Amino acid sequence: MRRDLAAPIVPAPPPAGISLQQYGEQTARAAREMMRRVYPEGLGDNGISFEGFWDWLRADPDYDADLMFVAALGGDVVGLCHCWRSDFIKDLAVDPSFRNRGLGTFLLTHALTAFARRGAPSVDLKTELDNVKAQSLYRRLGFEIVERVNG
């Protein structure tokens, strides 16, 4: 799916008590644990240790800590929007216990605004064909399907 950034972006407010945290080793560790709750079937990382993940991530030329948006409630990570320099949203994840409160909309509009400030013409993301709820959110925020891939 793709979002043209020439179209207006209406920022969403954060849910009550939510703050954005700087992405670093400590928040990365907490975010990874939250991602395990979001994706109980696995992260597609072949069970790599946190240290292996952290080294891999920081070595990736598409990684930029300024494009990692971590939402926290108190000291607990409850959401993550993981973006790449290539104008791509890799993951948008909200802790199952914190869904349906506007956190995904907040994180996504925050990321879109960051990409627009960087001069990106558009932003892409992928989602599963059967993830109707995510597709609904993305369409509501101006994303359009540009390609369908099975498998």
Protein backbone atom coordinates (compact mmCIF):
# COMPACT_ATOMS: atom_id res chain seq x y z
CA MET A 1 0.00 0.00 0.00
CA ARG A 2 1.18 3.54 -0.64
CA ARG A 3 0.40 6.95 0.86
CA ASP A 4 1.06 10.04 -1.26
CA LEU A 5 2.56 12.64 1.07
CA ALA A 6 1.41 15.55 -1.08
CA ALA A 7 -2.04 14.92 0.42
CA PRO A 8 -2.69 16.56 3.81
CA ILE A 9 -1.79 14.62 6.94
CA VAL A 10 -4.12 15.16 9.89
CA PRO A 11 -2.08 14.39 13.02
CA ALA A 12 -3.85 12.27 15.61
CA PRO A 13 -3.37 13.05 19.30
CA PRO A 14 -1.77 10.42 21.50
CA PRO A 15 -4.07 8.44 23.75
CA ALA A 16 -4.10 9.61 27.38
CA GLY A 17 -0.85 8.89 29.18
CA ILE A 18 1.10 7.92 26.05
CA SER A 19 4.51 9.41 25.37
CA LEU A 20 7.03 8.82 22.59
CA GLN A 21 10.34 7.40 23.76
CA GLN A 22 13.78 7.73 22.19
CA TYR A 23 14.74 4.49 20.45
CA GLY A 24 17.87 2.99 21.95
CA GLU A 25 19.03 -0.33 23.33
CA GLN A 26 16.72 -0.27 26.35
CA THR A 27 13.57 0.71 24.43
CA ALA A 28 14.53 -1.68 21.62
CA ARG A 29 14.62 -4.55 24.09
CA ALA A 30 11.20 -3.60 25.52
CA ALA A 31 9.76 -3.04 22.02
CA ARG A 32 10.98 -6.46 20.91
CA GLU A 33 9.21 -8.09 23.85
CA MET A 34 6.02 -6.19 22.98
CA MET A 35 6.39 -7.39 19.36
CA ARG A 36 6.51 -10.98 20.62
CA ARG A 37 3.07 -10.40 22.21
CA VAL A 38 1.77 -8.90 18.96
CA TYR A 39 3.19 -11.72 16.82
CA PRO A 40 3.00 -14.85 19.02
CA GLU A 41 3.64 -17.03 15.96
CA GLY A 42 7.09 -15.47 15.69
CA LEU A 43 8.88 -12.40 14.45
CA GLY A 44 10.40 -14.09 11.43
CA ASP A 45 13.82 -13.71 13.01
CA ASN A 46 14.60 -17.42 13.46
CA GLY A 47 14.83 -16.96 17.23
CA ILE A 48 17.87 -14.70 17.11
CA SER A 49 18.99 -13.30 20.47
CA PHE A 50 18.34 -9.67 21.31
CA GLU A 51 22.06 -8.94 20.97
CA GLY A 52 22.09 -10.48 17.48
CA PHE A 53 18.99 -8.50 16.53
CA TRP A 54 20.43 -5.26 17.91
CA ASP A 55 23.70 -5.72 15.98
CA TRP A 56 21.81 -6.61 12.78
CA LEU A 57 19.49 -3.62 13.08
CA ARG A 58 22.21 -1.03 13.70
CA ALA A 59 24.28 -2.40 10.80
CA ASP A 60 21.38 -2.11 8.33
CA PRO A 61 21.91 0.92 6.06
CA ASP A 62 18.13 1.52 6.02
CA TYR A 63 18.01 1.88 9.83
CA ASP A 64 17.62 5.31 11.40
CA ALA A 65 16.81 5.61 15.11
CA ASP A 66 14.95 8.84 14.33
CA LEU A 67 12.45 6.79 12.31
CA MET A 68 11.67 4.39 15.15
CA PHE A 69 8.62 5.64 17.03
CA VAL A 70 8.09 3.93 20.39
CA ALA A 71 4.93 4.62 22.39
CA ALA A 72 5.05 4.05 26.12
CA LEU A 73 2.58 4.21 28.96
CA GLY A 74 4.61 4.86 32.05
CA GLY A 75 7.61 2.60 31.60
CA ASP A 76 5.83 0.03 29.42
CA VAL A 77 6.20 -0.05 25.63
CA VAL A 78 2.71 -0.41 24.14
CA GLY A 79 3.33 0.48 20.49
CA LEU A 80 5.97 0.75 17.79
CA CYS A 81 6.12 2.19 14.30
CA HIS A 82 9.36 0.89 12.76
CA CYS A 83 10.28 2.81 9.60
CA TRP A 84 13.14 2.60 7.12
CA ARG A 85 15.05 5.40 5.38
CA SER A 86 13.71 4.05 2.08
CA ASP A 87 10.31 5.63 2.85
CA PHE A 88 8.91 2.32 4.05
CA ILE A 89 6.96 1.42 7.19
CA LYS A 90 8.27 -2.00 8.20
CA ASP A 91 6.07 -2.59 11.24
CA LEU A 92 3.17 -0.91 12.98
CA ALA A 93 2.44 -2.84 16.14
CA VAL A 94 0.22 -2.13 19.13
CA ASP A 95 0.20 -4.30 22.23
CA PRO A 96 -2.98 -6.41 22.23
CA SER A 97 -3.95 -4.97 25.63
CA PHE A 98 -3.86 -1.43 24.20
CA ARG A 99 -5.73 -1.80 20.90
CA ASN A 100 -8.75 0.24 19.78
CA ARG A 101 -7.64 3.38 21.61
CA GLY A 102 -6.20 5.36 18.69
CA LEU A 103 -2.57 4.43 19.29
CA GLY A 104 -2.04 2.96 15.81
CA THR A 105 -3.51 6.09 14.22
CA PHE A 106 -1.29 8.31 16.40
CA LEU A 107 1.88 6.37 15.55
CA LEU A 108 1.09 6.18 11.86
CA THR A 109 0.25 9.88 11.45
CA HIS A 110 3.39 10.74 13.44
CA ALA A 111 5.48 8.62 11.05
CA LEU A 112 3.81 10.12 7.96
CA THR A 113 4.57 13.62 9.25
CA ALA A 114 8.22 12.66 9.85
CA PHE A 115 8.55 11.30 6.31
CA ALA A 116 6.92 14.43 4.86
CA ARG A 117 9.38 16.64 6.77
CA ARG A 118 12.21 14.63 5.24
CA GLY A 119 10.84 15.38 1.78
CA ALA A 120 9.62 11.87 0.95
CA PRO A 121 7.10 11.93 -1.92
CA SER A 122 5.26 8.86 -0.62
CA VAL A 123 5.46 6.06 1.94
CA ASP A 124 4.90 2.34 1.36
CA LEU A 125 3.97 -0.53 3.65
CA LYS A 126 2.90 -4.14 3.32
CA THR A 127 0.13 -5.99 5.09
CA GLU A 128 -1.41 -9.42 4.85
CA LEU A 129 -4.35 -9.76 2.46
CA ASP A 130 -6.52 -11.11 5.29
CA ASN A 131 -5.62 -8.33 7.76
CA VAL A 132 -8.83 -6.41 7.12
CA LYS A 133 -8.57 -4.31 10.28
CA ALA A 134 -5.10 -2.99 9.39
CA GLN A 135 -6.14 -2.35 5.80
CA SER A 136 -9.11 -0.35 7.05
CA LEU A 137 -6.82 1.84 9.18
CA TYR A 138 -4.39 2.35 6.31
CA ARG A 139 -7.16 3.27 3.86
CA ARG A 140 -8.68 5.70 6.37
CA LEU A 141 -5.30 7.46 6.53
CA GLY A 142 -4.99 7.71 2.76
CA PHE A 143 -3.09 4.57 1.76
CA GLU A 144 -4.04 2.88 -1.49
CA ILE A 145 -3.31 -0.61 -2.74
CA VAL A 146 -0.61 -0.51 -5.41
CA GLU A 147 0.19 -4.23 -5.61
CA ARG A 148 -1.22 -7.53 -4.39
CA VAL A 149 1.12 -10.43 -3.74
CA ASN A 150 -0.02 -13.90 -2.73
CA GLY A 151 2.17 -16.12 -0.61
